[in-house]
Each structure stands twice: as C-alpha cells, then as structure tokens.
Amino acid sequence: MCIRDSKKASLVLSTLGQSIPLQELQHLKRIRKDGPTLQVILGREADREAVEGLIEGRLCGTGLTGVTSTQVPSSAPGDREEWERWSEHWPMNYHPKPAGWSVHQC
C-alpha cells in the first residue's frame, strides 16, 4: 500500500501497529520510501480481511492507495551478508548476536 502524504504516515503506522501487529515479521521495517510515495507493510496475506476492514474504517481518508501483495523475507537474517542482500528487497532490522552468544536447548 502506498501513502502519498508523508504527514499521514505516523497515523497509519500507529493504527496498524495497534490493530495488526507484525508478530512474525518483526525483523522487517514496516515502511519504505519509493520515490515520492511511502510503501507500507499492512500484514500477512492471511490478515487480508482485517486489513481491508481497517482501510475502510479507521484508515479511511488517509490517502492510502494501491493495495498489492509482495514477497518479503519470512525470517530474520542470520548474518550481515544476508541482511545486506535481503535489505535490497525490503528494509530490515538487523541485530547481530554478541560474540560468544549461543543457543542452548533445554
């Protein structure tokens, strides 16, 4: 989805964060700049009905246009090289593991 008026971006992001949090996609940034517009991740394809209801309700009048589907990485990058490659497709958060950090199964 695109936002043409960047002044309304914070309202859109706040509403989406409360209504449709990106639980499984927290490694992704929710918004990216694409020329004069901002593109926003609304939710997973499984959330489509909730997203459409939100657009028709609380987000009506914010100037959102062009709801489309796109593929994004489903998991956080394992290392900096993956982060660099994957971030070319969609901006991501990257939090490297501290030196000596490992996962132990209980």
N, C-alpha and C. Protein backbone atom coordinates (compact mmCIF):
# COMPACT_ATOMS: atom_id res chain seq x y z
N MET A 1 0.84 -1.16 0.00
CA MET A 1 0.00 0.00 0.00
C MET A 1 0.89 1.23 0.00
N CYS A 2 0.44 2.26 -0.64
CA CYS A 2 1.22 3.50 -0.75
C CYS A 2 0.55 4.64 0.00
N ILE A 3 1.38 5.50 0.54
CA ILE A 3 0.92 6.73 1.18
C ILE A 3 1.56 7.88 0.40
N ARG A 4 0.77 8.74 -0.14
CA ARG A 4 1.31 9.87 -0.90
C ARG A 4 1.60 11.07 0.00
N ASP A 5 0.87 11.20 1.10
CA ASP A 5 1.06 12.31 2.03
C ASP A 5 1.86 11.80 3.22
N SER A 6 3.15 12.09 3.26
CA SER A 6 4.01 11.56 4.32
C SER A 6 3.61 12.05 5.71
N LYS A 7 2.86 13.14 5.78
CA LYS A 7 2.41 13.65 7.08
C LYS A 7 1.41 12.69 7.73
N LYS A 8 0.77 11.86 6.94
CA LYS A 8 -0.20 10.91 7.49
C LYS A 8 0.43 9.56 7.82
N ALA A 9 1.71 9.41 7.54
CA ALA A 9 2.39 8.13 7.76
C ALA A 9 2.36 7.70 9.22
N SER A 10 2.59 8.63 10.15
CA SER A 10 2.63 8.24 11.56
C SER A 10 1.26 7.76 12.04
N LEU A 11 0.18 8.37 11.56
CA LEU A 11 -1.16 7.91 11.90
C LEU A 11 -1.40 6.50 11.38
N VAL A 12 -1.00 6.27 10.14
CA VAL A 12 -1.17 4.94 9.53
C VAL A 12 -0.36 3.91 10.29
N LEU A 13 0.91 4.19 10.58
CA LEU A 13 1.77 3.24 11.28
C LEU A 13 1.27 2.96 12.69
N SER A 14 0.83 3.97 13.39
CA SER A 14 0.30 3.80 14.74
C SER A 14 -0.95 2.91 14.72
N THR A 15 -1.85 3.18 13.81
CA THR A 15 -3.09 2.41 13.71
C THR A 15 -2.79 0.96 13.34
N LEU A 16 -1.89 0.75 12.39
CA LEU A 16 -1.53 -0.62 12.01
C LEU A 16 -0.84 -1.35 13.15
N GLY A 17 0.04 -0.67 13.86
CA GLY A 17 0.74 -1.30 14.98
C GLY A 17 -0.20 -1.77 16.07
N GLN A 18 -1.26 -1.02 16.30
CA GLN A 18 -2.24 -1.40 17.32
C GLN A 18 -3.19 -2.48 16.82
N SER A 19 -3.61 -2.38 15.57
CA SER A 19 -4.65 -3.26 15.04
C SER A 19 -4.12 -4.54 14.43
N ILE A 20 -3.01 -4.46 13.72
CA ILE A 20 -2.45 -5.62 13.03
C ILE A 20 -0.94 -5.64 13.24
N PRO A 21 -0.49 -6.02 14.43
CA PRO A 21 0.96 -6.05 14.68
C PRO A 21 1.63 -7.12 13.81
N LEU A 22 2.87 -6.88 13.45
CA LEU A 22 3.62 -7.83 12.63
C LEU A 22 4.39 -8.79 13.53
N GLN A 23 3.69 -9.66 14.20
CA GLN A 23 4.32 -10.57 15.16
C GLN A 23 5.43 -11.41 14.53
N GLU A 24 5.13 -12.08 13.41
CA GLU A 24 6.11 -12.97 12.78
C GLU A 24 7.07 -12.24 11.87
N LEU A 25 6.83 -10.96 11.64
CA LEU A 25 7.65 -10.20 10.70
C LEU A 25 8.33 -9.01 11.38
N GLN A 26 8.68 -9.15 12.64
CA GLN A 26 9.27 -8.04 13.38
C GLN A 26 10.65 -7.65 12.88
N HIS A 27 11.27 -8.51 12.09
CA HIS A 27 12.58 -8.19 11.52
C HIS A 27 12.48 -7.20 10.36
N LEU A 28 11.26 -6.97 9.87
CA LEU A 28 11.05 -6.04 8.75
C LEU A 28 10.68 -4.66 9.25
N LYS A 29 11.14 -3.65 8.53
CA LYS A 29 10.66 -2.30 8.81
C LYS A 29 9.31 -2.19 8.12
N ARG A 30 8.38 -1.53 8.73
CA ARG A 30 7.01 -1.52 8.24
C ARG A 30 6.84 -0.59 7.04
N ILE A 31 7.75 0.33 6.82
CA ILE A 31 7.57 1.34 5.78
C ILE A 31 8.88 1.53 5.02
N ARG A 32 8.76 1.86 3.74
CA ARG A 32 9.93 2.20 2.94
C ARG A 32 9.57 3.30 1.95
N LYS A 33 10.55 4.08 1.59
CA LYS A 33 10.35 5.17 0.64
C LYS A 33 10.55 4.63 -0.76
N ASP A 34 9.64 4.98 -1.66
CA ASP A 34 9.72 4.58 -3.06
C ASP A 34 9.41 5.80 -3.91
N GLY A 35 10.43 6.57 -4.22
CA GLY A 35 10.22 7.82 -4.94
C GLY A 35 9.44 8.79 -4.09
N PRO A 36 8.35 9.37 -4.65
CA PRO A 36 7.58 10.35 -3.88
C PRO A 36 6.57 9.72 -2.91
N THR A 37 6.47 8.38 -2.93
CA THR A 37 5.49 7.72 -2.06
C THR A 37 6.18 6.88 -1.00
N LEU A 38 5.42 6.49 -0.01
CA LEU A 38 5.87 5.58 1.04
C LEU A 38 5.09 4.28 0.88
N GLN A 39 5.79 3.16 0.90
CA GLN A 39 5.13 1.86 0.84
C GLN A 39 5.09 1.28 2.25
N VAL A 40 3.97 0.65 2.59
CA VAL A 40 3.74 0.16 3.94
C VAL A 40 3.37 -1.31 3.91
N ILE A 41 3.95 -2.09 4.81
CA ILE A 41 3.50 -3.47 5.00
C ILE A 41 2.27 -3.42 5.89
N LEU A 42 1.17 -3.91 5.38
CA LEU A 42 -0.08 -3.90 6.14
C LEU A 42 -0.20 -5.13 7.01
N GLY A 43 0.21 -6.26 6.51
CA GLY A 43 0.10 -7.51 7.25
C GLY A 43 0.40 -8.67 6.33
N ARG A 44 0.25 -9.86 6.86
CA ARG A 44 0.43 -11.06 6.06
C ARG A 44 -0.79 -11.26 5.18
N GLU A 45 -0.66 -12.08 4.16
CA GLU A 45 -1.78 -12.37 3.27
C GLU A 45 -2.95 -12.93 4.06
N ALA A 46 -2.66 -13.68 5.12
CA ALA A 46 -3.71 -14.25 5.97
C ALA A 46 -4.52 -13.16 6.70
N ASP A 47 -3.95 -11.97 6.83
CA ASP A 47 -4.62 -10.86 7.52
C ASP A 47 -5.43 -9.98 6.57
N ARG A 48 -5.59 -10.40 5.34
CA ARG A 48 -6.17 -9.53 4.29
C ARG A 48 -7.55 -8.98 4.67
N GLU A 49 -8.43 -9.81 5.21
CA GLU A 49 -9.78 -9.32 5.57
C GLU A 49 -9.70 -8.24 6.65
N ALA A 50 -8.87 -8.46 7.65
CA ALA A 50 -8.72 -7.47 8.72
C ALA A 50 -8.15 -6.17 8.17
N VAL A 51 -7.19 -6.29 7.26
CA VAL A 51 -6.58 -5.11 6.65
C VAL A 51 -7.62 -4.33 5.85
N GLU A 52 -8.39 -5.02 5.04
CA GLU A 52 -9.41 -4.34 4.23
C GLU A 52 -10.44 -3.64 5.10
N GLY A 53 -10.84 -4.27 6.20
CA GLY A 53 -11.77 -3.63 7.12
C GLY A 53 -11.18 -2.40 7.77
N LEU A 54 -9.90 -2.47 8.10
CA LEU A 54 -9.21 -1.33 8.71
C LEU A 54 -9.12 -0.16 7.74
N ILE A 55 -8.83 -0.45 6.49
CA ILE A 55 -8.72 0.60 5.47
C ILE A 55 -10.06 1.30 5.29
N GLU A 56 -11.13 0.51 5.26
CA GLU A 56 -12.46 1.09 5.07
C GLU A 56 -12.94 1.82 6.32
N GLY A 57 -12.38 1.50 7.47
CA GLY A 57 -12.81 2.10 8.73
C GLY A 57 -11.85 3.17 9.22
N ARG A 58 -10.97 2.79 10.12
CA ARG A 58 -10.09 3.76 10.81
C ARG A 58 -9.09 4.47 9.91
N LEU A 59 -8.73 3.85 8.78
CA LEU A 59 -7.74 4.47 7.90
C LEU A 59 -8.37 5.17 6.70
N CYS A 60 -9.69 5.23 6.68
CA CYS A 60 -10.38 5.93 5.59
C CYS A 60 -9.98 7.41 5.64
N GLY A 61 -9.65 7.98 4.51
CA GLY A 61 -9.29 9.39 4.46
C GLY A 61 -7.82 9.67 4.66
N THR A 62 -7.00 8.63 4.79
CA THR A 62 -5.56 8.86 4.96
C THR A 62 -4.82 8.89 3.63
N GLY A 63 -5.53 8.63 2.56
CA GLY A 63 -4.90 8.70 1.24
C GLY A 63 -4.16 7.44 0.85
N LEU A 64 -4.45 6.32 1.50
CA LEU A 64 -3.80 5.06 1.15
C LEU A 64 -4.31 4.61 -0.22
N THR A 65 -3.39 4.15 -1.05
CA THR A 65 -3.76 3.68 -2.38
C THR A 65 -2.97 2.43 -2.72
N GLY A 66 -3.46 1.71 -3.70
CA GLY A 66 -2.70 0.62 -4.31
C GLY A 66 -2.35 -0.54 -3.42
N VAL A 67 -3.32 -1.22 -2.86
CA VAL A 67 -3.04 -2.41 -2.06
C VAL A 67 -2.57 -3.53 -2.99
N THR A 68 -1.38 -4.02 -2.76
CA THR A 68 -0.82 -5.11 -3.56
C THR A 68 -0.14 -6.10 -2.62
N SER A 69 0.19 -7.24 -3.16
CA SER A 69 0.95 -8.24 -2.41
C SER A 69 2.39 -8.22 -2.90
N THR A 70 3.30 -8.45 -1.99
CA THR A 70 4.71 -8.55 -2.35
C THR A 70 5.36 -9.61 -1.47
N GLN A 71 6.44 -10.16 -1.93
CA GLN A 71 7.15 -11.15 -1.14
C GLN A 71 8.25 -10.45 -0.33
N VAL A 72 8.34 -10.83 0.93
CA VAL A 72 9.38 -10.32 1.82
C VAL A 72 9.98 -11.51 2.57
N PRO A 73 11.19 -11.37 3.07
CA PRO A 73 11.80 -12.47 3.83
C PRO A 73 10.95 -12.83 5.06
N SER A 74 10.72 -14.12 5.25
CA SER A 74 9.85 -14.56 6.34
C SER A 74 10.59 -14.70 7.67
N SER A 75 11.90 -14.61 7.64
CA SER A 75 12.65 -14.74 8.89
C SER A 75 13.76 -13.70 8.93
N ALA A 76 14.29 -13.49 10.11
CA ALA A 76 15.37 -12.52 10.28
C ALA A 76 16.65 -13.05 9.63
N PRO A 77 17.49 -12.15 9.12
CA PRO A 77 18.75 -12.60 8.52
C PRO A 77 19.67 -13.23 9.56
N GLY A 78 20.41 -14.23 9.14
CA GLY A 78 21.31 -14.92 10.06
C GLY A 78 22.64 -14.21 10.23
N ASP A 79 23.04 -13.43 9.23
CA ASP A 79 24.31 -12.71 9.31
C ASP A 79 24.22 -11.41 8.51
N ARG A 80 25.28 -10.64 8.58
CA ARG A 80 25.29 -9.33 7.92
C ARG A 80 25.16 -9.45 6.40
N GLU A 81 25.76 -10.46 5.80
CA GLU A 81 25.68 -10.64 4.35
C GLU A 81 24.24 -10.88 3.91
N GLU A 82 23.53 -11.74 4.64
CA GLU A 82 22.10 -11.96 4.33
C GLU A 82 21.34 -10.66 4.49
N TRP A 83 21.58 -9.94 5.56
CA TRP A 83 20.88 -8.68 5.80
C TRP A 83 21.09 -7.71 4.63
N GLU A 84 22.33 -7.60 4.16
CA GLU A 84 22.62 -6.70 3.04
C GLU A 84 21.88 -7.12 1.78
N ARG A 85 21.88 -8.42 1.47
CA ARG A 85 21.18 -8.90 0.27
C ARG A 85 19.68 -8.72 0.40
N TRP A 86 19.12 -9.13 1.53
CA TRP A 86 17.67 -9.09 1.71
C TRP A 86 17.15 -7.67 1.82
N SER A 87 17.96 -6.76 2.37
CA SER A 87 17.53 -5.38 2.53
C SER A 87 17.37 -4.65 1.20
N GLU A 88 17.93 -5.21 0.15
CA GLU A 88 17.74 -4.62 -1.18
C GLU A 88 16.27 -4.76 -1.61
N HIS A 89 15.61 -5.79 -1.10
CA HIS A 89 14.21 -6.04 -1.46
C HIS A 89 13.25 -5.26 -0.56
N TRP A 90 13.51 -5.30 0.75
CA TRP A 90 12.69 -4.55 1.72
C TRP A 90 13.56 -4.22 2.92
N PRO A 91 13.48 -3.00 3.47
CA PRO A 91 14.31 -2.64 4.64
C PRO A 91 14.05 -3.58 5.83
N MET A 92 15.13 -3.94 6.49
CA MET A 92 15.04 -4.88 7.60
C MET A 92 15.82 -4.37 8.80
N ASN A 93 15.45 -4.87 9.96
CA ASN A 93 16.22 -4.65 11.18
C ASN A 93 17.26 -5.76 11.26
N TYR A 94 18.42 -5.44 11.75
CA TYR A 94 19.45 -6.45 11.94
C TYR A 94 20.09 -6.25 13.29
N HIS A 95 20.06 -7.27 14.10
CA HIS A 95 20.64 -7.23 15.44
C HIS A 95 21.62 -8.41 15.54
N PRO A 96 22.91 -8.16 15.30
CA PRO A 96 23.88 -9.26 15.37
C PRO A 96 23.96 -9.84 16.78
N LYS A 97 24.21 -11.12 16.83
CA LYS A 97 24.37 -11.78 18.13
C LYS A 97 25.72 -11.37 18.72
N PRO A 98 25.76 -11.10 20.02
CA PRO A 98 27.04 -10.75 20.66
C PRO A 98 28.04 -11.90 20.56
N ALA A 99 29.31 -11.58 20.52
CA ALA A 99 30.37 -12.60 20.45
C ALA A 99 30.21 -13.57 21.61
N GLY A 100 30.36 -14.83 21.31
CA GLY A 100 30.26 -15.85 22.35
C GLY A 100 28.84 -16.27 22.68
N TRP A 101 27.84 -15.68 22.02
CA TRP A 101 26.43 -15.97 22.30
C TRP A 101 26.05 -17.24 21.54
N SER A 102 25.37 -18.14 22.20
CA SER A 102 24.90 -19.35 21.52
C SER A 102 23.55 -19.75 22.10
N VAL A 103 22.87 -20.60 21.37
CA VAL A 103 21.55 -21.07 21.79
C VAL A 103 21.70 -22.46 22.38
N HIS A 104 21.16 -22.65 23.56
CA HIS A 104 21.18 -23.96 24.21
C HIS A 104 19.76 -24.44 24.35
N GLN A 105 19.53 -25.68 23.94
CA GLN A 105 18.20 -26.25 24.10
C GLN A 105 18.08 -26.87 25.48
N CYS A 106 16.92 -26.68 26.08
CA CYS A 106 16.67 -27.25 27.41
C CYS A 106 16.00 -28.58 27.31
